[in-house]
Amino acid sequence: MSLGEKVFSSAFLLLIRKIWGNVINLAVMAFLARILSKEDFGLLAISSVFLSIINTLATSGIAEYVVYYDGEDKSEKLNAAFWLNLFLTIAVVVVVVTTGPWWADFYDNKKVYSLLLLLCVSFFFEMGSTIPKAILRKELEYKSLVYYSTVSMTIISIGKMLAAWAGFGVYSLVIPQALVSPFLMMAFFIKTNWKPLATIGQAHYKAIIDYSKHIIGGRVLTKLVNEGDNLIVGKFIGMEGLGIYALAFQLANLVTSNVVVLVNDIFLPLFSKVKGDIERLRLLYCRMIQFLSFISFPLITALAIGAEPIVYFIYGPKWLDAVVPFQILCAFALGRSLSSPSSSLFGALGRPDIGFNFTLYFTPVFLASIFLGSQFGLVGVALATTVVRVGGSIISLYLSLRLIQLRLADLYRLVKSNLFSALIIITLFSWSFFVSFEEEKWILLIVIPFVLYIHILLQRLFFYSDLVSFFQELKIYVKMGHVLLNKIFFLKDQSAS
């Protein structure tokens, strides 16, 4: 199997897992949203923020180093990475346990500390599986990663519903994961058949840290950006407001969050393999941007258009306050979907310092804007988030494009067909159209799938050559699907000529 086919196969497996994960997550959230309160979701969000920030500070970059490094002493480096990761994980747990009561007092809710302790359990075992998972990622062996994570995710989701039904309240959101995570870690070690040696390899720590330090710094700042809005909303608007905002943010980034994870998992090892060939690297990056825009633009547009019926039917009428923030944040999600590969490109080329320096300047600007936006409620926070982060996405794209000798004008040519189609659809399905069906929201759910197909038809009408070119390249990897693709999108079979 060629490198390209292996990458596409891995991406396809991850995509299937993401689709299944989203289906399960929507079903679970629809159930929990009707049982648990808005405050419960806010409590979980604020507890998770604290742990994730400390986690990022201590352990980011180690898995990336394992994927990146390919020297003759890589087995020794791998062993050293395991012990360094373990020591840092233990340090995180100690910090959380000792400082957690302060965090709970800051938000004036004792449940926060109990949630932190349960999150620490799952965190410890998840971090324990870092090295075997990195080994599988390095070789693009995603079949086992997808299988184990899908099974565990399904069990955890069912466990959440059962725990909520049994009356565990907000704790039903974290108990199942704490119970399943040890078994998942053992499964990954068994699959890779890798065992750490007794020697901790401290002589290699400096090399690992030298590579990881900019990744760590960049991700800590990125985490402050990603979670800073939650911190400010939770403090100045309250836990109930945070629950609403967290739901809106999750829905708006439903596509992007999955794309970001998939892109980082797949393209860091891929970029690392071709980093010496700038022409090939540039081609891969351009094709990836085209693919991201082709997937993200129609899906996020459909989410924005159908925001109210989606919230109403899935989560219930008590969550309708999340609709407007949800729609505003969709604009930010579009920008994030295109800038998501930047960190993988920086890391693969050995320039994580670029991402770090950018985030260093961006973080204070973002946090200040969120604080100002919080004075105008959740809508103000959503607007501040969208405006500032879209600007940040453009700058991040500029930096990554410059690294491979491309310009923003080149980027525009890659995404213009999808951008143009999205703008037309938003204009066609205007606010007045949806007001006419205010009392019959179920009709709008039927309209949403047509939005996706109209997006493709518009591209066929106005950007036919670009669409044909895109699918011709896609068919190289989907050899058995070319006839189906031609039939679905009314494209002529170019191979016949």
Protein backbone atom coordinates (compact mmCIF):
# COMPACT_ATOMS: atom_id res chain seq x y z
CA MET A 1 0.00 0.00 0.00
CA SER A 2 1.40 3.39 -1.04
CA LEU A 3 1.84 6.25 1.43
CA GLY A 4 -1.08 8.15 -0.07
CA GLU A 5 -3.39 5.12 0.07
CA LYS A 6 -2.31 4.40 3.63
CA VAL A 7 -3.04 8.00 4.65
CA PHE A 8 -6.45 7.95 3.01
CA SER A 9 -7.26 4.58 4.59
CA SER A 10 -6.28 5.94 8.01
CA ALA A 11 -8.28 9.11 7.46
CA PHE A 12 -11.30 7.07 6.39
CA LEU A 13 -11.13 4.92 9.53
CA LEU A 14 -10.87 8.00 11.73
CA LEU A 15 -13.74 9.61 9.88
CA ILE A 16 -15.95 6.56 10.45
CA ARG A 17 -15.05 6.66 14.13
CA LYS A 18 -15.88 10.37 14.28
CA ILE A 19 -19.23 9.86 12.59
CA TRP A 20 -20.13 7.07 14.98
CA GLY A 21 -18.87 9.14 17.91
CA ASN A 22 -21.03 12.08 16.89
CA VAL A 23 -24.12 9.89 16.52
CA ILE A 24 -23.57 8.39 19.96
CA ASN A 25 -22.71 11.77 21.50
CA LEU A 26 -25.84 13.42 20.10
CA ALA A 27 -28.00 10.61 21.45
CA VAL A 28 -26.36 10.77 24.88
CA MET A 29 -26.49 14.57 25.05
CA ALA A 30 -30.15 14.57 23.99
CA PHE A 31 -30.86 12.21 26.88
CA LEU A 32 -28.69 13.97 29.48
CA ALA A 33 -29.86 17.46 28.51
CA ARG A 34 -33.38 16.52 29.56
CA ILE A 35 -32.29 15.02 32.88
CA LEU A 36 -29.40 17.21 34.00
CA SER A 37 -29.49 20.96 34.54
CA LYS A 38 -27.65 23.73 32.69
CA GLU A 39 -25.60 24.24 35.84
CA ASP A 40 -24.44 20.60 35.75
CA PHE A 41 -22.95 21.10 32.29
CA GLY A 42 -21.34 24.32 33.48
CA LEU A 43 -19.78 22.56 36.46
CA LEU A 44 -18.28 19.88 34.24
CA ALA A 45 -16.90 22.51 31.85
CA ILE A 46 -15.18 24.52 34.57
CA SER A 47 -13.73 21.38 36.18
CA SER A 48 -12.40 20.11 32.86
CA VAL A 49 -10.76 23.46 32.10
CA PHE A 50 -8.61 23.36 35.23
CA LEU A 51 -7.36 19.83 34.60
CA SER A 52 -6.76 20.35 30.89
CA ILE A 53 -4.65 23.48 31.42
CA ILE A 54 -2.36 21.72 33.91
CA ASN A 55 -2.31 18.62 31.70
CA THR A 56 -1.17 20.70 28.73
CA LEU A 57 1.54 22.38 30.78
CA ALA A 58 3.03 19.07 31.88
CA THR A 59 2.62 16.55 29.09
CA SER A 60 2.22 18.23 25.69
CA GLY A 61 4.76 17.44 23.01
CA ILE A 62 5.95 14.02 24.19
CA ALA A 63 3.71 12.05 21.83
CA GLU A 64 4.63 14.43 19.00
CA TYR A 65 8.33 13.82 19.70
CA VAL A 66 7.81 10.05 19.47
CA VAL A 67 6.09 10.52 16.10
CA TYR A 68 8.74 12.99 14.90
CA TYR A 69 11.98 11.28 15.99
CA ASP A 70 13.47 8.58 13.75
CA GLY A 71 17.10 8.32 14.84
CA GLU A 72 19.09 5.15 15.41
CA ASP A 73 18.52 5.35 19.18
CA LYS A 74 14.75 5.72 18.84
CA SER A 75 14.06 2.71 21.09
CA GLU A 76 15.97 4.39 23.93
CA LYS A 77 14.20 7.69 23.25
CA LEU A 78 10.87 5.86 23.32
CA ASN A 79 11.60 4.36 26.72
CA ALA A 80 12.77 7.71 28.10
CA ALA A 81 9.62 9.37 26.75
CA PHE A 82 7.47 6.87 28.64
CA TRP A 83 9.09 7.55 32.01
CA LEU A 84 9.14 11.32 31.48
CA ASN A 85 5.46 11.20 30.57
CA LEU A 86 4.68 9.12 33.68
CA PHE A 87 6.55 11.44 36.05
CA LEU A 88 4.84 14.50 34.60
CA THR A 89 1.44 12.82 34.78
CA ILE A 90 1.94 12.06 38.48
CA ALA A 91 2.99 15.67 39.02
CA VAL A 92 -0.23 16.86 37.37
CA VAL A 93 -2.36 14.68 39.62
CA VAL A 94 -0.57 15.98 42.72
CA VAL A 95 -1.07 19.59 41.63
CA VAL A 96 -4.78 19.03 40.92
CA VAL A 97 -5.40 17.28 44.23
CA THR A 98 -3.65 19.99 46.26
CA THR A 99 -4.95 23.07 44.42
CA GLY A 100 -8.38 21.77 43.47
CA PRO A 101 -10.09 23.12 46.64
CA TRP A 102 -8.97 26.64 45.72
CA TRP A 103 -10.48 26.24 42.26
CA ALA A 104 -13.78 25.09 43.81
CA ASP A 105 -13.78 28.06 46.21
CA PHE A 106 -13.07 30.49 43.36
CA TYR A 107 -16.25 29.39 41.62
CA ASP A 108 -18.08 28.92 44.94
CA ASN A 109 -19.16 25.32 44.32
CA LYS A 110 -17.84 22.30 46.26
CA LYS A 111 -18.92 19.84 43.55
CA VAL A 112 -16.11 21.16 41.37
CA TYR A 113 -13.44 19.47 43.52
CA SER A 114 -15.24 16.11 43.51
CA LEU A 115 -15.47 16.27 39.74
CA LEU A 116 -11.77 17.09 39.53
CA LEU A 117 -10.84 13.99 41.52
CA LEU A 118 -12.89 11.75 39.23
CA LEU A 119 -11.40 13.43 36.15
CA CYS A 120 -7.92 12.78 37.57
CA VAL A 121 -8.55 9.03 37.53
CA SER A 122 -9.40 8.91 33.84
CA PHE A 123 -6.64 11.43 33.10
CA PHE A 124 -3.96 9.23 34.71
CA PHE A 125 -4.81 6.17 32.63
CA GLU A 126 -5.35 8.12 29.44
CA MET A 127 -1.88 9.63 29.79
CA GLY A 128 -0.51 6.17 30.54
CA SER A 129 -1.49 5.10 27.03
CA THR A 130 0.34 8.03 25.38
CA ILE A 131 3.37 6.07 24.18
CA PRO A 132 1.64 2.99 22.70
CA LYS A 133 -0.83 5.27 20.93
CA ALA A 134 2.05 7.36 19.56
CA ILE A 135 3.71 4.19 18.25
CA LEU A 136 0.55 3.30 16.33
CA ARG A 137 0.24 6.87 15.02
CA LYS A 138 3.85 6.92 13.84
CA GLU A 139 3.24 3.93 11.60
CA LEU A 140 -0.22 5.19 10.54
CA GLU A 141 -1.73 2.04 12.04
CA TYR A 142 -5.12 3.49 12.86
CA LYS A 143 -7.23 0.35 12.68
CA SER A 144 -6.53 -0.63 16.29
CA LEU A 145 -6.72 2.99 17.49
CA VAL A 146 -10.14 3.35 15.92
CA TYR A 147 -11.41 -0.01 17.14
CA TYR A 148 -10.40 0.35 20.78
CA SER A 149 -11.40 3.98 21.10
CA THR A 150 -14.77 3.35 19.42
CA VAL A 151 -15.64 0.45 21.70
CA SER A 152 -14.59 2.35 24.82
CA MET A 153 -16.42 5.49 23.73
CA THR A 154 -19.62 3.52 23.17
CA ILE A 155 -19.39 1.86 26.59
CA ILE A 156 -18.71 5.21 28.27
CA SER A 157 -21.67 6.82 26.51
CA ILE A 158 -24.03 4.06 27.59
CA GLY A 159 -22.60 4.32 31.10
CA LYS A 160 -23.36 8.04 31.24
CA MET A 161 -27.01 7.45 30.40
CA LEU A 162 -27.34 4.65 32.92
CA ALA A 163 -25.65 6.70 35.66
CA ALA A 164 -27.89 9.70 34.95
CA TRP A 165 -30.97 7.46 34.98
CA ALA A 166 -29.81 6.03 38.32
CA GLY A 167 -29.68 9.54 39.81
CA PHE A 168 -25.94 10.26 39.94
CA GLY A 169 -26.55 13.77 38.61
CA VAL A 170 -23.54 15.68 37.34
CA TYR A 171 -21.22 12.82 38.37
CA SER A 172 -22.78 10.64 35.66
CA LEU A 173 -20.73 12.71 33.19
CA VAL A 174 -17.38 11.51 34.59
CA ILE A 175 -17.81 8.19 36.47
CA PRO A 176 -18.06 5.90 33.37
CA GLN A 177 -14.89 7.31 31.85
CA ALA A 178 -12.98 6.82 35.10
CA LEU A 179 -14.05 3.15 35.15
CA VAL A 180 -13.27 2.37 31.50
CA SER A 181 -9.94 4.21 31.05
CA PRO A 182 -7.72 1.59 32.84
CA PHE A 183 -8.94 -1.16 30.50
CA LEU A 184 -8.37 1.00 27.44
CA MET A 185 -4.78 1.68 28.49
CA MET A 186 -4.10 -2.04 28.93
CA ALA A 187 -5.57 -2.76 25.48
CA PHE A 188 -3.15 -0.37 23.79
CA PHE A 189 -0.11 -1.87 25.56
CA ILE A 190 -1.20 -5.38 24.60
CA LYS A 191 -1.74 -4.38 20.97
CA THR A 192 1.68 -2.76 20.52
CA ASN A 193 3.42 -5.47 22.56
CA TRP A 194 5.70 -2.73 23.87
CA LYS A 195 7.00 -2.67 27.42
CA PRO A 196 9.08 0.04 29.11
CA LEU A 197 12.52 -0.89 30.44
CA ALA A 198 13.46 -0.34 34.07
CA THR A 199 16.00 2.35 33.12
CA ILE A 200 14.34 5.78 33.09
CA GLY A 201 16.73 7.21 30.47
CA GLN A 202 17.10 10.63 32.03
CA ALA A 203 19.98 11.43 29.64
CA HIS A 204 17.42 11.74 26.83
CA TYR A 205 15.07 14.08 28.68
CA LYS A 206 16.83 17.23 27.49
CA ALA A 207 16.41 16.32 23.81
CA ILE A 208 12.73 15.53 24.33
CA ILE A 209 12.12 18.74 26.26
CA ASP A 210 14.08 20.86 23.76
CA TYR A 211 11.76 19.67 21.00
CA SER A 212 8.64 19.82 23.15
CA LYS A 213 9.14 23.15 24.91
CA HIS A 214 7.68 25.30 22.16
CA ILE A 215 4.86 22.82 21.66
CA ILE A 216 4.20 22.90 25.41
CA GLY A 217 4.31 26.69 25.54
CA GLY A 218 2.19 27.06 22.44
CA ARG A 219 -0.40 24.58 23.66
CA VAL A 220 -0.64 26.11 27.11
CA LEU A 221 -1.36 29.46 25.51
CA THR A 222 -3.70 27.81 23.02
CA LYS A 223 -5.47 26.10 25.91
CA LEU A 224 -5.90 29.48 27.59
CA VAL A 225 -7.41 30.74 24.35
CA ASN A 226 -9.64 27.68 23.92
CA GLU A 227 -10.76 27.65 27.54
CA GLY A 228 -10.39 31.31 28.50
CA ASP A 229 -13.91 32.08 27.41
CA ASN A 230 -15.21 29.33 29.72
CA LEU A 231 -13.21 30.71 32.64
CA ILE A 232 -14.57 34.21 32.15
CA VAL A 233 -18.16 33.14 31.43
CA GLY A 234 -18.21 30.87 34.48
CA LYS A 235 -16.97 33.66 36.75
CA PHE A 236 -18.89 36.68 35.42
CA ILE A 237 -22.05 35.15 33.94
CA GLY A 238 -22.43 32.07 36.12
CA MET A 239 -22.53 28.28 35.84
CA GLU A 240 -25.91 28.20 34.13
CA GLY A 241 -24.70 30.68 31.51
CA LEU A 242 -21.53 28.61 31.09
CA GLY A 243 -23.63 25.49 30.51
CA ILE A 244 -25.51 27.27 27.70
CA TYR A 245 -22.33 28.70 26.18
CA ALA A 246 -20.51 25.34 26.38
CA LEU A 247 -23.36 23.68 24.51
CA ALA A 248 -23.39 26.39 21.83
CA PHE A 249 -19.61 26.15 21.40
CA GLN A 250 -19.72 22.36 21.18
CA LEU A 251 -22.42 22.42 18.50
CA ALA A 252 -20.76 25.14 16.43
CA ASN A 253 -17.48 23.21 16.50
CA LEU A 254 -19.06 19.81 15.93
CA VAL A 255 -17.46 19.52 12.51
CA THR A 256 -14.28 21.41 13.27
CA SER A 257 -13.39 19.58 16.47
CA ASN A 258 -13.52 16.28 14.67
CA VAL A 259 -11.62 17.63 11.66
CA VAL A 260 -8.91 19.15 13.85
CA VAL A 261 -8.25 15.89 15.67
CA LEU A 262 -8.27 13.90 12.45
CA VAL A 263 -5.94 16.36 10.70
CA ASN A 264 -3.43 16.46 13.55
CA ASP A 265 -3.44 12.68 13.93
CA ILE A 266 -2.94 12.01 10.24
CA PHE A 267 -0.87 14.88 8.88
CA LEU A 268 1.84 15.31 11.53
CA PRO A 269 3.38 11.90 10.70
CA LEU A 270 2.66 12.45 6.99
CA PHE A 271 4.30 15.89 6.90
CA SER A 272 7.25 14.47 8.84
CA LYS A 273 7.78 11.79 6.19
CA VAL A 274 7.96 14.31 3.29
CA LYS A 275 9.46 17.32 5.10
CA GLY A 276 12.58 17.17 2.93
CA ASP A 277 10.59 17.64 -0.29
CA ILE A 278 9.10 21.15 -0.27
CA GLU A 279 7.19 20.64 -3.55
CA ARG A 280 5.49 17.49 -2.28
CA LEU A 281 4.82 19.10 1.07
CA ARG A 282 3.23 22.11 -0.59
CA LEU A 283 1.04 19.85 -2.76
CA LEU A 284 -0.12 17.83 0.25
CA TYR A 285 -0.94 20.99 2.19
CA CYS A 286 -2.99 22.45 -0.69
CA ARG A 287 -4.93 19.25 -1.20
CA MET A 288 -5.60 19.07 2.52
CA ILE A 289 -6.95 22.63 2.58
CA GLN A 290 -9.23 21.80 -0.35
CA PHE A 291 -10.48 18.71 1.41
CA LEU A 292 -11.09 20.60 4.67
CA SER A 293 -13.06 23.34 2.92
CA PHE A 294 -15.04 20.80 0.92
CA ILE A 295 -16.09 19.02 4.12
CA SER A 296 -16.36 21.91 6.57
CA PHE A 297 -18.05 24.70 4.63
CA PRO A 298 -21.31 22.93 3.68
CA LEU A 299 -21.64 21.13 7.01
CA ILE A 300 -21.03 24.22 9.16
CA THR A 301 -23.34 26.26 6.93
CA ALA A 302 -26.06 23.65 7.44
CA LEU A 303 -25.50 23.76 11.21
CA ALA A 304 -25.85 27.55 11.27
CA ILE A 305 -29.03 27.51 9.19
CA GLY A 306 -30.65 24.74 11.20
CA ALA A 307 -29.47 25.89 14.63
CA GLU A 308 -32.91 26.43 16.18
CA PRO A 309 -34.55 23.13 15.16
CA ILE A 310 -31.35 21.24 16.02
CA VAL A 311 -31.30 22.65 19.57
CA TYR A 312 -35.07 22.36 19.98
CA PHE A 313 -35.44 18.73 18.92
CA ILE A 314 -32.17 17.30 20.25
CA TYR A 315 -31.71 19.13 23.54
CA GLY A 316 -35.17 20.47 24.29
CA PRO A 317 -36.77 23.92 24.53
CA LYS A 318 -34.97 24.83 27.76
CA TRP A 319 -31.74 25.15 25.76
CA LEU A 320 -33.02 27.61 23.11
CA ASP A 321 -30.93 30.38 24.69
CA ALA A 322 -27.95 28.66 23.02
CA VAL A 323 -29.24 29.20 19.46
CA VAL A 324 -27.92 32.72 18.74
CA PRO A 325 -24.45 32.11 20.28
CA PHE A 326 -24.36 28.83 18.34
CA GLN A 327 -25.00 30.61 15.03
CA ILE A 328 -22.45 33.34 15.73
CA LEU A 329 -19.77 30.81 16.66
CA CYS A 330 -20.28 28.94 13.38
CA ALA A 331 -18.39 31.75 11.61
CA PHE A 332 -15.41 31.16 13.92
CA ALA A 333 -15.64 27.40 13.23
CA LEU A 334 -15.21 28.02 9.50
CA GLY A 335 -11.94 29.87 10.08
CA ARG A 336 -10.72 27.29 12.56
CA SER A 337 -11.34 24.44 10.12
CA LEU A 338 -8.88 25.95 7.63
CA SER A 339 -6.20 26.96 10.14
CA SER A 340 -6.24 23.60 11.96
CA PRO A 341 -3.33 22.07 9.95
CA SER A 342 -0.95 24.91 10.86
CA SER A 343 0.27 23.37 14.12
CA SER A 344 0.96 20.03 12.39
CA LEU A 345 2.96 21.81 9.70
CA PHE A 346 4.99 23.79 12.24
CA GLY A 347 5.78 20.64 14.22
CA ALA A 348 6.64 18.48 11.22
CA LEU A 349 9.12 21.07 9.92
CA GLY A 350 10.73 21.45 13.33
CA ARG A 351 9.40 25.00 13.77
CA PRO A 352 6.95 24.79 16.71
CA ASP A 353 8.40 28.14 17.83
CA ILE A 354 6.32 29.87 15.13
CA GLY A 355 3.07 28.66 16.64
CA PHE A 356 4.28 29.52 20.13
CA ASN A 357 5.26 33.09 19.25
CA PHE A 358 1.96 33.70 17.47
CA THR A 359 -0.08 32.40 20.40
CA LEU A 360 2.04 34.40 22.85
CA TYR A 361 0.80 37.66 21.31
CA PHE A 362 -2.69 36.42 20.52
CA THR A 363 -3.65 35.13 24.00
CA PRO A 364 -3.83 38.45 25.93
CA VAL A 365 -5.76 40.09 23.08
CA PHE A 366 -8.28 37.27 23.06
CA LEU A 367 -8.79 37.14 26.83
CA ALA A 368 -9.25 40.90 27.02
CA SER A 369 -11.85 40.79 24.25
CA ILE A 370 -13.76 38.00 26.00
CA PHE A 371 -13.82 39.98 29.24
CA LEU A 372 -15.24 42.99 27.41
CA GLY A 373 -17.73 40.79 25.58
CA SER A 374 -18.94 39.22 28.85
CA GLN A 375 -20.30 42.62 29.88
CA PHE A 376 -22.95 42.13 27.16
CA GLY A 377 -23.95 38.57 28.05
CA LEU A 378 -23.48 35.35 26.10
CA VAL A 379 -24.07 37.01 22.73
CA GLY A 380 -21.28 39.49 23.50
CA VAL A 381 -18.90 36.63 24.36
CA ALA A 382 -19.82 34.77 21.16
CA LEU A 383 -19.23 37.87 19.04
CA ALA A 384 -15.89 38.61 20.71
CA THR A 385 -14.79 35.00 20.28
CA THR A 386 -15.73 34.94 16.61
CA VAL A 387 -14.22 38.28 15.57
CA VAL A 388 -10.89 37.83 17.34
CA ARG A 389 -10.40 34.16 16.51
CA VAL A 390 -11.27 34.56 12.83
CA GLY A 391 -8.56 37.23 12.70
CA GLY A 392 -6.19 34.86 14.48
CA SER A 393 -6.97 32.08 12.00
CA ILE A 394 -6.05 34.35 9.09
CA ILE A 395 -2.70 35.23 10.69
CA SER A 396 -1.98 31.57 11.48
CA LEU A 397 -2.74 30.62 7.89
CA TYR A 398 -0.43 33.38 6.64
CA LEU A 399 2.44 32.06 8.79
CA SER A 400 1.98 28.47 7.67
CA LEU A 401 1.63 29.43 4.01
CA ARG A 402 4.80 31.52 4.15
CA LEU A 403 6.67 28.52 5.52
CA ILE A 404 5.96 26.58 2.32
CA GLN A 405 6.27 29.63 0.03
CA LEU A 406 2.58 30.27 -0.64
CA ARG A 407 0.38 33.36 -0.23
CA LEU A 408 -3.10 34.05 1.13
CA ALA A 409 -4.18 34.65 -2.49
CA ASP A 410 -3.23 31.02 -3.20
CA LEU A 411 -5.37 29.94 -0.27
CA TYR A 412 -8.33 31.92 -1.57
CA ARG A 413 -8.11 30.14 -4.92
CA LEU A 414 -8.24 26.80 -3.11
CA VAL A 415 -11.37 27.58 -1.09
CA LYS A 416 -13.25 30.13 -3.24
CA SER A 417 -15.76 27.63 -4.69
CA ASN A 418 -16.82 26.41 -1.24
CA LEU A 419 -16.86 29.93 0.20
CA PHE A 420 -18.96 31.22 -2.71
CA SER A 421 -21.47 28.36 -2.39
CA ALA A 422 -21.79 28.88 1.37
CA LEU A 423 -22.54 32.60 0.94
CA ILE A 424 -25.23 31.92 -1.67
CA ILE A 425 -26.89 29.31 0.54
CA ILE A 426 -26.95 31.62 3.55
CA THR A 427 -28.56 34.28 1.34
CA LEU A 428 -31.14 31.85 -0.08
CA PHE A 429 -32.10 30.39 3.28
CA SER A 430 -32.48 33.74 4.97
CA TRP A 431 -33.93 34.50 8.37
CA SER A 432 -37.32 35.38 6.85
CA PHE A 433 -37.58 31.88 5.35
CA PHE A 434 -37.28 30.28 8.77
CA VAL A 435 -39.67 32.69 10.47
CA SER A 436 -42.41 31.40 8.17
CA PHE A 437 -41.98 27.94 9.72
CA GLU A 438 -41.66 29.13 13.32
CA GLU A 439 -44.54 26.91 14.48
CA GLU A 440 -43.48 23.87 12.42
CA LYS A 441 -39.80 23.45 13.19
CA TRP A 442 -39.78 19.83 12.02
CA ILE A 443 -40.03 21.08 8.41
CA LEU A 444 -36.68 22.81 8.83
CA LEU A 445 -34.99 19.54 9.74
CA ILE A 446 -36.08 18.17 6.36
CA VAL A 447 -34.58 21.21 4.62
CA ILE A 448 -31.11 20.82 6.19
CA PRO A 449 -29.97 17.78 4.11
CA PHE A 450 -30.88 19.66 0.93
CA VAL A 451 -28.48 22.43 1.96
CA LEU A 452 -25.56 20.03 1.57
CA TYR A 453 -26.63 18.90 -1.88
CA ILE A 454 -27.38 22.45 -3.08
CA HIS A 455 -23.83 23.35 -2.03
CA ILE A 456 -22.43 20.78 -4.46
CA LEU A 457 -24.81 21.75 -7.26
CA LEU A 458 -23.76 25.40 -6.97
CA GLN A 459 -20.13 24.38 -7.33
CA ARG A 460 -21.01 22.29 -10.35
CA LEU A 461 -22.72 25.27 -11.98
CA PHE A 462 -20.07 27.89 -11.28
CA PHE A 463 -16.84 25.96 -10.55
CA TYR A 464 -17.23 22.79 -12.59
CA SER A 465 -13.56 22.39 -13.52
CA ASP A 466 -12.44 22.79 -9.90
CA LEU A 467 -15.00 20.22 -8.76
CA VAL A 468 -13.95 17.71 -11.44
CA SER A 469 -10.27 18.21 -10.55
CA PHE A 470 -10.97 17.65 -6.88
CA PHE A 471 -12.85 14.40 -7.48
CA GLN A 472 -10.31 13.14 -9.99
CA GLU A 473 -7.64 13.33 -7.29
CA LEU A 474 -9.98 11.88 -4.69
CA LYS A 475 -10.73 8.92 -6.96
CA ILE A 476 -7.06 7.98 -7.01
CA TYR A 477 -7.53 6.86 -3.42
CA VAL A 478 -11.15 5.78 -3.67
CA LYS A 479 -10.70 3.52 -6.68
CA MET A 480 -13.93 1.64 -6.20
CA GLY A 481 -16.00 4.77 -5.65
CA HIS A 482 -15.44 6.72 -8.87
CA VAL A 483 -18.61 5.51 -10.61
CA LEU A 484 -20.72 6.36 -7.58
CA LEU A 485 -19.14 9.81 -7.27
CA ASN A 486 -19.84 10.57 -10.94
CA LYS A 487 -23.47 9.52 -10.60
CA ILE A 488 -24.10 11.47 -7.42
CA PHE A 489 -22.58 14.72 -8.67
CA PHE A 490 -23.44 14.36 -12.40
CA LEU A 491 -19.80 14.43 -13.47
CA LYS A 492 -18.58 13.03 -16.78
CA ASP A 493 -16.32 10.00 -16.59
CA GLN A 494 -12.97 11.50 -17.58
CA SER A 495 -11.29 8.08 -17.69
CA ALA A 496 -13.42 7.09 -20.68
CA SER A 497 -11.79 9.76 -22.77
